[in-house]
Amino acid sequence: MTTSEKIANAKKRIDELERLIKYWNDSENDEAKMVNFTMKIENKVA
């Protein structure tokens, strides 16, 4: 993975975290909210 790819992936993660923070800060009620994340699981063999 090149440096530019690593930077792009890091920016993507930061954007996702910022959206989550905004979502949680914008919630106006005290009810618990659930957020479903899709997870990509890769099987890697050494």
Protein backbone atom coordinates (compact mmCIF):
# COMPACT_ATOMS: atom_id res chain seq x y z
CA MET A 1 0.00 0.00 0.00
CA THR A 2 1.43 3.34 -1.00
CA THR A 3 1.69 6.36 1.25
CA SER A 4 -1.01 8.18 -0.69
CA GLU A 5 -3.37 5.21 -0.26
CA LYS A 6 -2.69 5.15 3.49
CA ILE A 7 -3.42 8.87 3.72
CA ALA A 8 -6.65 8.46 1.73
CA ASN A 9 -7.79 5.63 4.02
CA ALA A 10 -6.94 7.65 7.13
CA LYS A 11 -8.93 10.65 5.81
CA LYS A 12 -11.86 8.34 5.12
CA ARG A 13 -11.78 7.03 8.71
CA ILE A 14 -11.52 10.57 10.10
CA ASP A 15 -14.54 11.65 8.05
CA GLU A 16 -16.54 8.67 9.36
CA LEU A 17 -15.60 9.52 12.96
CA GLU A 18 -16.53 13.18 12.46
CA ARG A 19 -19.94 12.14 11.10
CA LEU A 20 -20.50 9.90 14.13
CA ILE A 21 -19.52 12.68 16.54
CA LYS A 22 -21.91 15.08 14.79
CA TYR A 23 -24.68 12.46 14.85
CA TRP A 24 -24.27 11.87 18.58
CA ASN A 25 -23.99 15.59 19.37
CA ASP A 26 -27.08 16.41 17.31
CA SER A 27 -29.26 13.89 19.11
CA GLU A 28 -31.93 15.85 20.94
CA ASN A 29 -33.45 13.10 23.04
CA ASP A 30 -32.06 10.97 25.83
CA GLU A 31 -32.99 7.67 24.21
CA ALA A 32 -30.15 5.37 23.28
CA LYS A 33 -29.47 5.23 19.57
CA MET A 34 -27.99 2.31 17.75
CA VAL A 35 -25.71 2.62 14.78
CA ASN A 36 -25.13 -0.45 12.64
CA PHE A 37 -21.73 -0.75 11.04
CA THR A 38 -20.87 -3.09 8.25
CA MET A 39 -17.55 -4.70 8.98
CA LYS A 40 -15.24 -6.11 6.37
CA ILE A 41 -13.44 -9.15 7.71
CA GLU A 42 -10.56 -10.53 5.75
CA ASN A 43 -8.95 -13.86 6.40
CA LYS A 44 -5.24 -13.61 5.98
CA VAL A 45 -2.80 -16.45 6.19
CA ALA A 46 0.81 -15.74 7.06
